[in-house]
Amino acid sequence: MASIDKFSNEATNDAASGITDVASNGVKRVHTPTGVSHPAKKVVNGAVVNVPTAGNAGSIPGKTDLEFLRRLVDIVIKDGLIGAMDRDTRVCDFHQPEKLKSVLKELSITDEAASEERLLAVCSDVIKYSVKSAHPRFFNQLYGGMDQYSLGGAWLTEAMNTSQYTYEVAPVFTLMEKEIYNKMLHLIGFDGGDAIFVPGGSLGNLYGMNVARYTKFPEIKTKGLYGLEKPLCVFTSEKGHYSMKKSAAMMGLGTDHIIPVKTDKRGKMIAADLDKRIHEAKGEGYDPFFVNATAGTTVLGAYDPIDEISTVCKAHGIWLHVDGAWGGSAAISKKHRTLLKGIELADSMTWNPHKMMGAPLQCSMFLTKHKDVLQECHSANARYLFQQDKNYDVSYDTGDKSLQCGRKVDVLKLWMLWKGKGDVGMERDIDHLFMLSRYLASKLKQTAGFKLIQDPECTNVCFWYIPLSLRGQEETPEWLNKLAKVAPAIKDGMMQCGSMMIGYNPDGDLVNFFRMVLSNIDSTTEDVDFMVQEIDRLGRDL
């Protein structure tokens, strides 16, 4: 068996740049140049183990001063937050994947531990080469910005490192969840219902489809698809989110059993066509059970007419789910909540506070007006976790409502965000984003070279930029093919210089266009003006 002295000598050699001392128990301690003490070591039955050091027996050796974290927090605040939100900072420092691999020298995990200096250097590189989504000119996705209260909640969540399945291990977070659930349920007229945080809006939509199927066919939980007499089908707008396809595939329905419903020229589901499709499906032997409406489509930002769709669903006895992952936050604004007219008539809704509300990723919820359906549909009654004879009210154990066992705590960052702003501040922020979208639409109509696709309903603003070489020409198929290449070329230019980020895409018969998303409350009309000028600068001579 190796001796303690032999191991200590090896440890000393491995830490040649550090300083060693000997504790009263004869075990050497190794200190890094930063002053952080690594755990002392000894050999027990041939295995190397950590041991307490004298004078520090009640603490965790090497972790009590947390100097590494203090230094990292300073870097994150200075470069990852303050620096990233500076308009003079590049939104991105873009490199092709192979080039970036060569720049990031420390990607490989090695046998030997890296020093704290090397780890901090890597963290600085992570900030340097990552996209600055907190930057006020990041318009690329349906999220962006940074709220310090919410980020503080996210940091505290990670430090507490618990799972949100029982009150036993997450007492404070459980009470916070109930508060947030009740508030958001009330905003959409689901008082008395239930809710659960989920890992993303796509999973929220999966929950909607799953509980809808269980509600109509409760025996499916035990017998599965084999117990059904007819094939099932679901309906969603032709502009609906692709998560519907993934949900249908995962649940064994098959993507062929998703029936698309026509939309009008603004991208809104046509209720009359939904009714027609349901009748046709029934005539073909299908058993319809689920309709997905959308409150704020991903590309055009369209709000489906929920009240009209609800009338059709009720006539056929079909569950109505609303994918409000993006546009559901309009419910917070007295001015814009009419976009969700009829939401109280729906059975369930997906809502992502990490989008328009500004909470850090990820923060998503599934809400339903039916109080017991989550528990009944998803419970497995694991006796090792959900004992019914605990010393508290076990109705506070929410884990069996979820498809997950371990569930990340997502509530604190949202609670901190809302508590720090209040209802008034939250409403003001939502109204600000809608104002910016209207400001941009008006500006584009008045600026040469820009063509607005349609007036925005949510905060998505979709438009083409037409360079000088294509202006004043007939819009032939050849012309459209050339126009389709403009947005990708301009996007490449803005990525190379890092001035801003905006997404582009085709949609139906529409060739590539820019989809400007307003989701960062720190963005201003000056940032919108800059965006218009920058696109013109990058694309004028194409």
Protein backbone atom coordinates (compact mmCIF):
# COMPACT_ATOMS: atom_id res chain seq x y z
CA MET A 1 0.00 0.00 0.00
CA ALA A 2 1.31 3.44 -0.87
CA SER A 3 2.14 5.62 2.10
CA ILE A 4 0.66 9.02 2.84
CA ASP A 5 4.11 10.57 2.50
CA LYS A 6 4.56 8.99 -0.93
CA PHE A 7 1.23 10.36 -2.13
CA SER A 8 1.98 13.78 -0.67
CA ASN A 9 5.28 13.89 -2.52
CA GLU A 10 3.48 13.07 -5.77
CA ALA A 11 0.93 15.77 -5.08
CA THR A 12 3.73 18.23 -4.43
CA ASN A 13 5.35 17.41 -7.75
CA ASP A 14 2.03 17.79 -9.56
CA ALA A 15 1.59 21.24 -8.03
CA ALA A 16 5.09 22.53 -8.52
CA SER A 17 3.87 26.06 -9.03
CA GLY A 18 1.98 26.04 -5.73
CA ILE A 19 2.94 26.26 -2.06
CA THR A 20 2.65 23.34 0.37
CA ASP A 21 2.34 23.13 4.11
CA VAL A 22 1.74 20.30 6.54
CA ALA A 23 -1.34 20.02 8.73
CA SER A 24 -1.10 18.66 12.27
CA ASN A 25 -2.33 15.28 11.03
CA GLY A 26 0.75 14.99 8.83
CA VAL A 27 -1.14 15.46 5.56
CA LYS A 28 0.24 17.99 3.12
CA ARG A 29 -1.99 20.71 1.71
CA VAL A 30 -1.37 22.28 -1.68
CA HIS A 31 -2.24 25.94 -2.19
CA THR A 32 -2.59 27.45 -5.63
CA PRO A 33 -1.11 30.89 -6.25
CA THR A 34 -4.62 32.33 -5.78
CA GLY A 35 -4.69 31.09 -2.21
CA VAL A 36 -7.36 28.42 -2.67
CA SER A 37 -6.54 25.30 -0.66
CA HIS A 38 -7.16 22.00 -2.41
CA PRO A 39 -8.52 19.15 -0.28
CA ALA A 40 -5.85 17.23 1.61
CA LYS A 41 -5.35 13.63 0.50
CA LYS A 42 -4.59 10.27 2.05
CA VAL A 43 -4.72 6.66 0.93
CA VAL A 44 -7.32 4.34 2.45
CA ASN A 45 -7.43 0.70 1.34
CA GLY A 46 -5.54 1.60 -1.79
CA ALA A 47 -7.81 4.51 -2.74
CA VAL A 48 -6.98 8.22 -2.58
CA VAL A 49 -9.55 10.16 -0.53
CA ASN A 50 -10.04 13.73 0.70
CA VAL A 51 -9.59 14.39 4.42
CA PRO A 52 -10.31 17.43 6.61
CA THR A 53 -7.32 19.54 7.55
CA ALA A 54 -6.54 20.75 11.06
CA GLY A 55 -8.27 23.95 12.01
CA ASN A 56 -10.79 23.47 9.22
CA ALA A 57 -12.41 20.18 10.14
CA GLY A 58 -15.95 21.52 9.98
CA SER A 59 -15.68 23.08 6.52
CA ILE A 60 -14.95 21.91 3.00
CA PRO A 61 -11.21 22.19 2.32
CA GLY A 62 -10.45 24.24 -0.75
CA LYS A 63 -13.98 25.59 -1.10
CA THR A 64 -14.54 27.90 1.83
CA ASP A 65 -13.31 31.16 0.34
CA LEU A 66 -14.63 30.52 -3.22
CA GLU A 67 -12.00 32.83 -4.66
CA PHE A 68 -12.36 31.29 -8.11
CA LEU A 69 -16.06 32.12 -8.20
CA ARG A 70 -15.44 35.66 -6.99
CA ARG A 71 -12.98 36.23 -9.81
CA LEU A 72 -15.29 34.62 -12.35
CA VAL A 73 -18.24 36.76 -11.27
CA ASP A 74 -16.10 39.86 -11.79
CA ILE A 75 -15.29 38.71 -15.33
CA VAL A 76 -18.91 37.88 -16.10
CA ILE A 77 -20.17 41.24 -14.85
CA LYS A 78 -17.44 43.25 -16.58
CA ASP A 79 -17.29 41.47 -19.94
CA GLY A 80 -20.31 39.19 -20.16
CA LEU A 81 -22.86 41.75 -19.02
CA ILE A 82 -21.70 45.37 -18.97
CA GLY A 83 -19.42 44.84 -21.95
CA ALA A 84 -21.96 42.75 -23.85
CA MET A 85 -24.65 45.42 -23.51
CA ASP A 86 -22.36 48.21 -24.72
CA ARG A 87 -23.44 49.36 -28.18
CA ASP A 88 -19.77 49.75 -29.13
CA THR A 89 -19.26 46.03 -28.48
CA ARG A 90 -19.70 43.57 -31.34
CA VAL A 91 -22.84 41.47 -31.09
CA CYS A 92 -20.83 38.49 -32.30
CA ASP A 93 -17.23 37.61 -33.15
CA PHE A 94 -18.04 35.06 -35.81
CA HIS A 95 -15.72 32.31 -37.04
CA GLN A 96 -16.40 29.18 -39.06
CA PRO A 97 -16.53 26.03 -36.87
CA GLU A 98 -13.10 24.66 -37.78
CA LYS A 99 -11.47 28.05 -37.29
CA LEU A 100 -13.16 28.47 -33.92
CA LYS A 101 -11.90 25.04 -32.85
CA SER A 102 -8.36 26.15 -33.59
CA VAL A 103 -8.84 29.36 -31.61
CA LEU A 104 -10.24 27.60 -28.54
CA LYS A 105 -7.10 25.80 -27.43
CA GLU A 106 -8.60 24.32 -24.26
CA LEU A 107 -11.60 22.43 -25.70
CA SER A 108 -10.20 18.98 -24.99
CA ILE A 109 -10.69 17.38 -21.58
CA THR A 110 -7.32 16.09 -20.33
CA ASP A 111 -6.14 13.67 -17.65
CA GLU A 112 -4.66 16.42 -15.51
CA ALA A 113 -6.68 19.17 -13.86
CA ALA A 114 -6.47 22.62 -15.39
CA SER A 115 -5.28 25.48 -13.22
CA GLU A 116 -7.70 28.16 -12.14
CA GLU A 117 -5.90 30.65 -14.35
CA ARG A 118 -6.50 28.43 -17.37
CA LEU A 119 -10.15 27.96 -16.44
CA LEU A 120 -10.65 31.70 -16.08
CA ALA A 121 -8.97 32.26 -19.44
CA VAL A 122 -11.39 29.78 -21.01
CA CYS A 123 -14.31 31.62 -19.43
CA SER A 124 -13.07 34.85 -20.98
CA ASP A 125 -12.90 33.11 -24.36
CA VAL A 126 -16.44 31.82 -23.90
CA ILE A 127 -17.62 35.40 -23.48
CA LYS A 128 -15.51 36.72 -26.36
CA TYR A 129 -16.69 34.21 -28.94
CA SER A 130 -20.30 33.79 -27.80
CA VAL A 131 -23.18 35.75 -29.26
CA LYS A 132 -24.09 38.68 -27.01
CA SER A 133 -27.83 38.08 -26.72
CA ALA A 134 -28.07 40.84 -24.08
CA HIS A 135 -26.89 43.38 -26.67
CA PRO A 136 -29.64 45.87 -27.62
CA ARG A 137 -28.94 45.15 -31.31
CA PHE A 138 -29.46 41.40 -31.07
CA PHE A 139 -32.73 40.91 -32.97
CA ASN A 140 -32.11 37.37 -34.19
CA GLN A 141 -34.38 35.22 -32.03
CA LEU A 142 -37.52 35.36 -29.92
CA TYR A 143 -35.47 36.20 -26.81
CA GLY A 144 -32.85 38.73 -25.79
CA GLY A 145 -31.81 41.25 -23.20
CA MET A 146 -30.83 40.93 -19.55
CA ASP A 147 -32.57 41.80 -16.31
CA GLN A 148 -30.25 41.85 -13.30
CA TYR A 149 -32.91 40.72 -10.81
CA SER A 150 -33.85 37.77 -12.99
CA LEU A 151 -30.23 36.83 -13.62
CA GLY A 152 -29.62 37.04 -9.89
CA GLY A 153 -32.45 34.58 -9.40
CA ALA A 154 -30.88 32.24 -11.95
CA TRP A 155 -27.52 32.39 -10.18
CA LEU A 156 -29.11 31.76 -6.78
CA THR A 157 -31.04 28.84 -8.26
CA GLU A 158 -27.82 27.21 -9.44
CA ALA A 159 -26.20 27.73 -6.05
CA MET A 160 -29.10 26.05 -4.25
CA ASN A 161 -28.98 23.16 -6.76
CA THR A 162 -32.17 21.34 -5.91
CA SER A 163 -34.89 19.56 -7.83
CA GLN A 164 -38.43 20.86 -8.08
CA TYR A 165 -40.34 17.65 -7.42
CA THR A 166 -41.17 17.75 -3.71
CA TYR A 167 -41.76 20.38 -1.06
CA GLU A 168 -39.35 18.35 1.03
CA VAL A 169 -36.31 19.43 -1.00
CA ALA A 170 -37.63 22.67 -2.52
CA PRO A 171 -39.92 24.31 0.06
CA VAL A 172 -39.41 27.97 -0.90
CA PHE A 173 -39.43 27.31 -4.63
CA THR A 174 -42.63 25.27 -4.33
CA LEU A 175 -44.45 28.19 -2.71
CA MET A 176 -43.06 30.57 -5.33
CA GLU A 177 -44.31 28.28 -8.09
CA LYS A 178 -47.83 28.29 -6.68
CA GLU A 179 -47.77 32.10 -6.56
CA ILE A 180 -46.58 32.42 -10.15
CA TYR A 181 -48.96 29.74 -11.42
CA ASN A 182 -51.98 31.42 -9.85
CA LYS A 183 -50.99 34.82 -11.22
CA MET A 184 -50.50 33.61 -14.77
CA LEU A 185 -53.60 31.41 -14.71
CA HIS A 186 -55.61 34.45 -13.65
CA LEU A 187 -54.23 36.59 -16.48
CA ILE A 188 -55.64 34.19 -19.08
CA GLY A 189 -58.91 33.38 -17.30
CA PHE A 190 -57.87 29.92 -16.10
CA ASP A 191 -58.57 30.59 -12.40
CA GLY A 192 -58.72 27.36 -10.42
CA GLY A 193 -56.67 25.51 -13.02
CA ASP A 194 -53.16 24.11 -12.82
CA ALA A 195 -49.74 24.68 -14.36
CA ILE A 196 -46.22 23.29 -14.50
CA PHE A 197 -42.85 24.62 -15.62
CA VAL A 198 -41.56 22.68 -18.63
CA PRO A 199 -38.18 22.61 -20.43
CA GLY A 200 -39.20 24.74 -23.41
CA GLY A 201 -42.31 25.65 -25.37
CA SER A 202 -42.11 22.54 -27.54
CA LEU A 203 -42.52 20.40 -24.43
CA GLY A 204 -45.40 22.62 -23.36
CA ASN A 205 -47.14 21.80 -26.62
CA LEU A 206 -46.40 18.11 -26.09
CA TYR A 207 -48.04 18.36 -22.66
CA GLY A 208 -51.10 19.91 -24.26
CA MET A 209 -51.44 17.12 -26.79
CA ASN A 210 -50.83 14.43 -24.18
CA VAL A 211 -53.35 15.62 -21.58
CA ALA A 212 -55.91 16.25 -24.33
CA ARG A 213 -55.61 12.64 -25.48
CA TYR A 214 -55.81 11.37 -21.90
CA THR A 215 -58.92 13.47 -21.22
CA LYS A 216 -60.79 11.92 -24.15
CA PHE A 217 -59.29 8.45 -23.82
CA PRO A 218 -58.24 7.93 -20.16
CA GLU A 219 -57.70 4.23 -20.77
CA ILE A 220 -54.76 5.07 -23.04
CA LYS A 221 -52.57 5.55 -19.96
CA THR A 222 -52.72 1.83 -19.20
CA LYS A 223 -53.66 0.20 -22.51
CA GLY A 224 -51.81 2.49 -24.91
CA LEU A 225 -52.73 2.96 -28.56
CA TYR A 226 -53.81 -0.68 -28.77
CA GLY A 227 -56.97 0.15 -26.84
CA LEU A 228 -58.24 2.67 -29.41
CA GLU A 229 -60.94 1.81 -31.91
CA LYS A 230 -60.12 4.52 -34.47
CA PRO A 231 -56.94 6.29 -35.60
CA LEU A 232 -56.47 9.70 -33.98
CA CYS A 233 -55.72 13.01 -35.63
CA VAL A 234 -54.86 16.56 -34.59
CA PHE A 235 -55.21 19.94 -36.26
CA THR A 236 -52.91 22.93 -36.40
CA SER A 237 -52.50 25.98 -38.59
CA GLU A 238 -50.26 25.66 -41.63
CA LYS A 239 -48.19 28.39 -39.95
CA GLY A 240 -48.07 26.56 -36.61
CA HIS A 241 -44.86 25.58 -34.84
CA TYR A 242 -42.97 22.47 -35.96
CA SER A 243 -43.16 21.06 -32.42
CA MET A 244 -46.59 19.74 -33.37
CA LYS A 245 -44.89 17.29 -35.75
CA LYS A 246 -42.40 16.22 -33.10
CA SER A 247 -45.14 15.76 -30.51
CA ALA A 248 -47.26 13.64 -32.86
CA ALA A 249 -44.26 11.49 -33.73
CA MET A 250 -43.26 11.05 -30.09
CA MET A 251 -46.79 10.12 -29.01
CA GLY A 252 -47.12 7.45 -31.68
CA LEU A 253 -49.75 9.34 -33.69
CA GLY A 254 -47.51 9.84 -36.71
CA THR A 255 -46.89 13.08 -38.53
CA ASP A 256 -49.24 11.99 -41.32
CA HIS A 257 -52.09 12.39 -38.83
CA ILE A 258 -51.46 16.10 -38.35
CA ILE A 259 -54.01 17.92 -40.50
CA PRO A 260 -52.97 21.45 -41.51
CA VAL A 261 -55.60 24.19 -41.47
CA LYS A 262 -55.51 27.03 -43.99
CA THR A 263 -54.57 30.54 -42.94
CA ASP A 264 -55.55 33.92 -44.32
CA LYS A 265 -53.09 36.33 -45.94
CA ARG A 266 -51.95 37.53 -42.49
CA GLY A 267 -51.13 34.00 -41.35
CA LYS A 268 -54.17 33.53 -39.07
CA MET A 269 -56.03 30.23 -38.92
CA ILE A 270 -59.37 30.24 -40.76
CA ALA A 271 -61.96 28.79 -38.37
CA ALA A 272 -64.30 27.79 -41.20
CA ASP A 273 -61.56 25.70 -42.78
CA LEU A 274 -60.90 24.05 -39.41
CA ASP A 275 -64.55 23.02 -39.21
CA LYS A 276 -64.37 21.67 -42.76
CA ARG A 277 -61.21 19.66 -42.03
CA ILE A 278 -62.73 18.14 -38.88
CA HIS A 279 -65.83 17.00 -40.77
CA GLU A 280 -63.63 15.50 -43.49
CA ALA A 281 -61.46 13.68 -40.95
CA LYS A 282 -64.48 12.18 -39.22
CA GLY A 283 -65.81 11.06 -42.58
CA GLU A 284 -62.53 9.27 -43.25
CA GLY A 285 -62.78 7.34 -39.98
CA TYR A 286 -60.51 9.46 -37.79
CA ASP A 287 -61.21 10.42 -34.19
CA PRO A 288 -60.13 14.09 -33.76
CA PHE A 289 -59.13 15.09 -30.23
CA PHE A 290 -56.84 18.14 -30.34
CA VAL A 291 -56.64 21.54 -32.04
CA ASN A 292 -53.60 23.77 -31.71
CA ALA A 293 -54.14 27.50 -32.19
CA THR A 294 -51.27 29.97 -32.06
CA ALA A 295 -50.94 33.28 -30.23
CA GLY A 296 -48.03 34.86 -32.07
CA THR A 297 -46.70 32.64 -34.85
CA THR A 298 -42.94 32.24 -35.06
CA VAL A 299 -42.39 34.07 -38.34
CA LEU A 300 -45.23 36.52 -39.02
CA GLY A 301 -46.37 36.92 -35.40
CA ALA A 302 -50.01 36.19 -36.23
CA TYR A 303 -52.66 35.63 -33.55
CA ASP A 304 -55.26 33.02 -34.47
CA PRO A 305 -58.92 33.95 -33.72
CA ILE A 306 -59.21 31.91 -30.52
CA ASP A 307 -62.87 32.73 -29.89
CA GLU A 308 -63.93 31.54 -33.35
CA ILE A 309 -61.77 28.42 -33.11
CA SER A 310 -63.22 27.66 -29.68
CA THR A 311 -66.73 27.64 -31.11
CA VAL A 312 -65.69 24.99 -33.64
CA CYS A 313 -63.89 22.91 -31.00
CA LYS A 314 -66.85 22.93 -28.63
CA ALA A 315 -69.20 21.86 -31.42
CA HIS A 316 -67.02 18.81 -32.05
CA GLY A 317 -65.97 18.08 -28.45
CA ILE A 318 -62.28 18.71 -29.14
CA TRP A 319 -59.62 20.04 -26.76
CA LEU A 320 -58.34 23.51 -27.71
CA HIS A 321 -54.70 24.24 -26.92
CA VAL A 322 -53.08 27.62 -27.58
CA ASP A 323 -49.39 27.85 -28.34
CA GLY A 324 -48.70 31.22 -26.75
CA ALA A 325 -45.00 30.55 -26.25
CA TRP A 326 -44.13 33.76 -28.08
CA GLY A 327 -47.16 36.04 -28.08
CA GLY A 328 -48.84 34.95 -24.85
CA SER A 329 -47.12 37.73 -22.93
CA ALA A 330 -49.54 40.22 -24.51
CA ALA A 331 -51.88 39.08 -21.72
CA ILE A 332 -49.87 41.28 -19.34
CA SER A 333 -50.76 44.45 -21.27
CA LYS A 334 -54.20 46.02 -20.97
CA LYS A 335 -53.58 47.65 -24.34
CA HIS A 336 -52.61 44.51 -26.24
CA ARG A 337 -54.34 41.63 -24.43
CA THR A 338 -57.22 41.87 -26.92
CA LEU A 339 -54.91 39.98 -29.28
CA LEU A 340 -55.70 36.97 -27.08
CA LYS A 341 -59.47 37.46 -27.28
CA GLY A 342 -61.15 34.21 -26.26
CA ILE A 343 -58.14 32.71 -24.47
CA GLU A 344 -60.32 31.96 -21.44
CA LEU A 345 -62.31 29.59 -23.68
CA ALA A 346 -59.28 27.40 -24.41
CA ASP A 347 -58.40 24.28 -22.43
CA SER A 348 -54.66 24.84 -22.18
CA MET A 349 -51.84 27.16 -23.18
CA THR A 350 -48.06 27.20 -23.55
CA TRP A 351 -46.35 30.40 -22.38
CA ASN A 352 -42.62 31.20 -22.44
CA PRO A 353 -41.59 33.99 -20.03
CA HIS A 354 -38.04 33.69 -21.41
CA LYS A 355 -39.24 35.30 -24.60
CA MET A 356 -41.10 38.60 -24.55
CA MET A 357 -41.13 38.89 -20.74
CA GLY A 358 -37.33 38.81 -20.62
CA ALA A 359 -36.56 36.02 -18.14
CA PRO A 360 -33.31 34.11 -18.81
CA LEU A 361 -33.49 30.88 -20.76
CA GLN A 362 -35.14 28.60 -20.11
CA CYS A 363 -38.41 29.58 -18.54
CA SER A 364 -41.51 27.97 -20.04
CA MET A 365 -44.89 26.94 -18.70
CA PHE A 366 -47.84 24.75 -19.55
CA LEU A 367 -51.14 25.99 -18.12
CA THR A 368 -54.57 24.37 -18.13
CA LYS A 369 -57.98 25.30 -16.76
CA HIS A 370 -58.55 21.65 -15.75
CA LYS A 371 -57.18 21.34 -12.23
CA ASP A 372 -56.53 17.61 -11.88
CA VAL A 373 -55.60 16.53 -15.39
CA LEU A 374 -51.81 16.91 -15.03
CA GLN A 375 -51.75 14.71 -11.93
CA GLU A 376 -54.11 12.12 -13.36
CA CYS A 377 -52.40 11.92 -16.74
CA HIS A 378 -48.76 11.88 -15.65
CA SER A 379 -48.65 10.38 -12.16
CA ALA A 380 -46.70 7.17 -11.60
CA ASN A 381 -46.93 7.25 -7.77
CA ALA A 382 -43.29 6.44 -7.08
CA ARG A 383 -43.39 5.34 -3.44
CA TYR A 384 -39.76 6.22 -2.75
CA LEU A 385 -40.41 9.87 -3.60
CA PHE A 386 -44.11 10.68 -3.19
CA GLN A 387 -44.88 9.05 0.15
CA GLN A 388 -48.35 9.90 1.37
CA ASP A 389 -47.46 9.83 5.09
CA LYS A 390 -44.96 12.71 5.10
CA ASN A 391 -44.99 15.28 7.89
CA TYR A 392 -46.51 18.00 5.67
CA ASP A 393 -49.36 18.52 3.21
CA VAL A 394 -48.26 16.34 0.27
CA SER A 395 -50.46 18.26 -2.16
CA TYR A 396 -47.44 20.57 -2.33
CA ASP A 397 -45.42 17.79 -4.00
CA THR A 398 -45.80 18.64 -7.69
CA GLY A 399 -43.32 16.22 -9.22
CA ASP A 400 -45.88 13.62 -10.32
CA LYS A 401 -47.62 16.21 -12.51
CA SER A 402 -44.53 16.33 -14.69
CA LEU A 403 -43.18 13.92 -17.30
CA GLN A 404 -39.79 14.42 -15.67
CA CYS A 405 -38.53 13.12 -12.37
CA GLY A 406 -35.76 15.59 -11.61
CA ARG A 407 -37.01 19.02 -12.66
CA LYS A 408 -34.88 22.16 -12.75
CA VAL A 409 -36.04 25.11 -10.68
CA ASP A 410 -37.13 27.75 -13.19
CA VAL A 411 -39.41 29.82 -10.99
CA LEU A 412 -36.98 32.01 -9.03
CA LYS A 413 -35.68 33.96 -12.03
CA LEU A 414 -39.26 34.73 -13.11
CA TRP A 415 -40.39 35.56 -9.58
CA MET A 416 -37.42 37.93 -9.13
CA LEU A 417 -38.11 39.57 -12.48
CA TRP A 418 -41.76 40.18 -11.67
CA LYS A 419 -41.20 41.13 -8.04
CA GLY A 420 -38.50 43.59 -9.05
CA LYS A 421 -40.72 45.34 -11.61
CA GLY A 422 -44.24 44.78 -10.36
CA ASP A 423 -47.24 44.49 -12.66
CA VAL A 424 -46.81 48.11 -13.73
CA GLY A 425 -43.21 47.62 -14.83
CA MET A 426 -43.95 44.36 -16.64
CA GLU A 427 -46.80 45.96 -18.56
CA ARG A 428 -44.64 48.97 -19.43
CA ASP A 429 -41.96 46.70 -20.89
CA ILE A 430 -44.42 44.73 -23.04
CA ASP A 431 -45.96 47.97 -24.33
CA HIS A 432 -42.47 49.27 -25.14
CA LEU A 433 -41.72 46.28 -27.38
CA PHE A 434 -45.01 46.66 -29.24
CA MET A 435 -44.28 50.38 -29.66
CA LEU A 436 -40.89 49.62 -31.21
CA SER A 437 -42.44 47.23 -33.72
CA ARG A 438 -44.96 49.86 -34.83
CA TYR A 439 -42.22 52.48 -35.02
CA LEU A 440 -40.12 50.23 -37.26
CA ALA A 441 -43.04 49.36 -39.54
CA SER A 442 -43.79 53.05 -40.02
CA LYS A 443 -40.14 53.84 -40.72
CA LEU A 444 -39.79 51.07 -43.31
CA LYS A 445 -42.78 52.39 -45.23
CA GLN A 446 -41.03 55.75 -45.52
CA THR A 447 -37.52 54.49 -46.37
CA ALA A 448 -36.41 53.77 -49.93
CA GLY A 449 -35.34 50.20 -50.60
CA PHE A 450 -37.46 48.59 -47.88
CA LYS A 451 -40.71 46.74 -48.47
CA LEU A 452 -42.85 45.77 -45.48
CA ILE A 453 -44.55 42.39 -45.90
CA GLN A 454 -47.44 43.31 -43.60
CA ASP A 455 -48.17 45.51 -40.62
CA PRO A 456 -47.08 43.69 -37.46
CA GLU A 457 -49.60 42.15 -35.11
CA CYS A 458 -47.07 40.94 -32.53
CA THR A 459 -43.54 42.40 -32.33
CA ASN A 460 -42.24 40.53 -35.40
CA VAL A 461 -41.56 42.91 -38.29
CA CYS A 462 -41.03 41.17 -41.63
CA PHE A 463 -39.63 42.97 -44.66
CA TRP A 464 -37.46 42.83 -47.75
CA TYR A 465 -34.51 45.03 -48.53
CA ILE A 466 -34.22 45.77 -52.25
CA PRO A 467 -30.75 46.90 -53.37
CA LEU A 468 -30.30 49.59 -56.00
CA SER A 469 -29.64 47.01 -58.71
CA LEU A 470 -33.16 45.54 -58.30
CA ARG A 471 -35.24 48.66 -57.75
CA GLY A 472 -37.80 49.80 -60.29
CA GLN A 473 -37.91 46.43 -62.09
CA GLU A 474 -40.74 44.04 -62.84
CA GLU A 475 -41.05 41.37 -60.15
CA THR A 476 -40.52 38.36 -62.41
CA PRO A 477 -39.48 34.88 -61.18
CA GLU A 478 -35.90 35.75 -62.13
CA TRP A 479 -36.13 38.99 -60.12
CA LEU A 480 -37.50 37.08 -57.11
CA ASN A 481 -34.64 34.59 -57.34
CA LYS A 482 -32.20 37.47 -57.14
CA LEU A 483 -34.11 39.04 -54.26
CA ALA A 484 -33.94 35.73 -52.36
CA LYS A 485 -30.14 36.06 -52.25
CA VAL A 486 -30.13 39.55 -50.75
CA ALA A 487 -31.03 38.76 -47.13
CA PRO A 488 -28.44 35.95 -46.77
CA ALA A 489 -25.74 38.22 -48.22
CA ILE A 490 -26.58 41.07 -45.85
CA LYS A 491 -26.77 38.65 -42.92
CA ASP A 492 -23.27 37.42 -43.76
CA GLY A 493 -22.05 41.01 -43.79
CA MET A 494 -23.51 41.85 -40.40
CA MET A 495 -22.11 38.62 -38.91
CA GLN A 496 -18.63 39.36 -40.21
CA CYS A 497 -18.55 42.87 -38.78
CA GLY A 498 -20.61 41.95 -35.70
CA SER A 499 -22.73 45.10 -35.86
CA MET A 500 -26.06 43.37 -35.17
CA MET A 501 -27.96 40.14 -35.76
CA ILE A 502 -31.31 39.69 -37.51
CA GLY A 503 -32.83 36.47 -38.79
CA TYR A 504 -34.15 35.78 -42.27
CA ASN A 505 -36.23 33.04 -43.84
CA PRO A 506 -38.65 32.22 -46.65
CA ASP A 507 -42.31 31.55 -45.85
CA GLY A 508 -44.67 29.83 -48.24
CA ASP A 509 -44.41 31.64 -51.57
CA LEU A 510 -42.45 34.52 -50.03
CA VAL A 511 -38.73 34.41 -50.84
CA ASN A 512 -36.13 35.14 -48.16
CA PHE A 513 -37.00 38.18 -46.07
CA PHE A 514 -35.81 39.65 -42.78
CA ARG A 515 -37.72 38.80 -39.61
CA MET A 516 -36.89 41.53 -37.14
CA VAL A 517 -37.85 40.49 -33.60
CA LEU A 518 -38.31 43.04 -30.83
CA SER A 519 -37.85 41.21 -27.53
CA ASN A 520 -35.14 43.18 -25.71
CA ILE A 521 -36.61 45.93 -23.55
CA ASP A 522 -33.27 47.78 -23.65
CA SER A 523 -33.61 48.31 -27.40
CA THR A 524 -34.65 51.84 -28.37
CA THR A 525 -35.88 53.71 -31.42
CA GLU A 526 -32.24 54.71 -31.99
CA ASP A 527 -31.33 51.02 -32.26
CA VAL A 528 -34.13 50.55 -34.76
CA ASP A 529 -32.83 53.52 -36.77
CA PHE A 530 -29.34 52.01 -36.70
CA MET A 531 -30.67 48.69 -37.99
CA VAL A 532 -32.31 50.33 -41.00
CA GLN A 533 -29.16 52.33 -41.80
CA GLU A 534 -26.90 49.30 -41.38
CA ILE A 535 -28.95 47.09 -43.69
CA ASP A 536 -28.88 49.83 -46.30
CA ARG A 537 -25.10 50.19 -45.89
CA LEU A 538 -24.49 46.45 -46.22
CA GLY A 539 -26.90 45.87 -49.07
CA ARG A 540 -27.02 49.00 -51.18
CA ASP A 541 -24.39 47.87 -53.71
CA LEU A 542 -25.40 44.21 -54.01
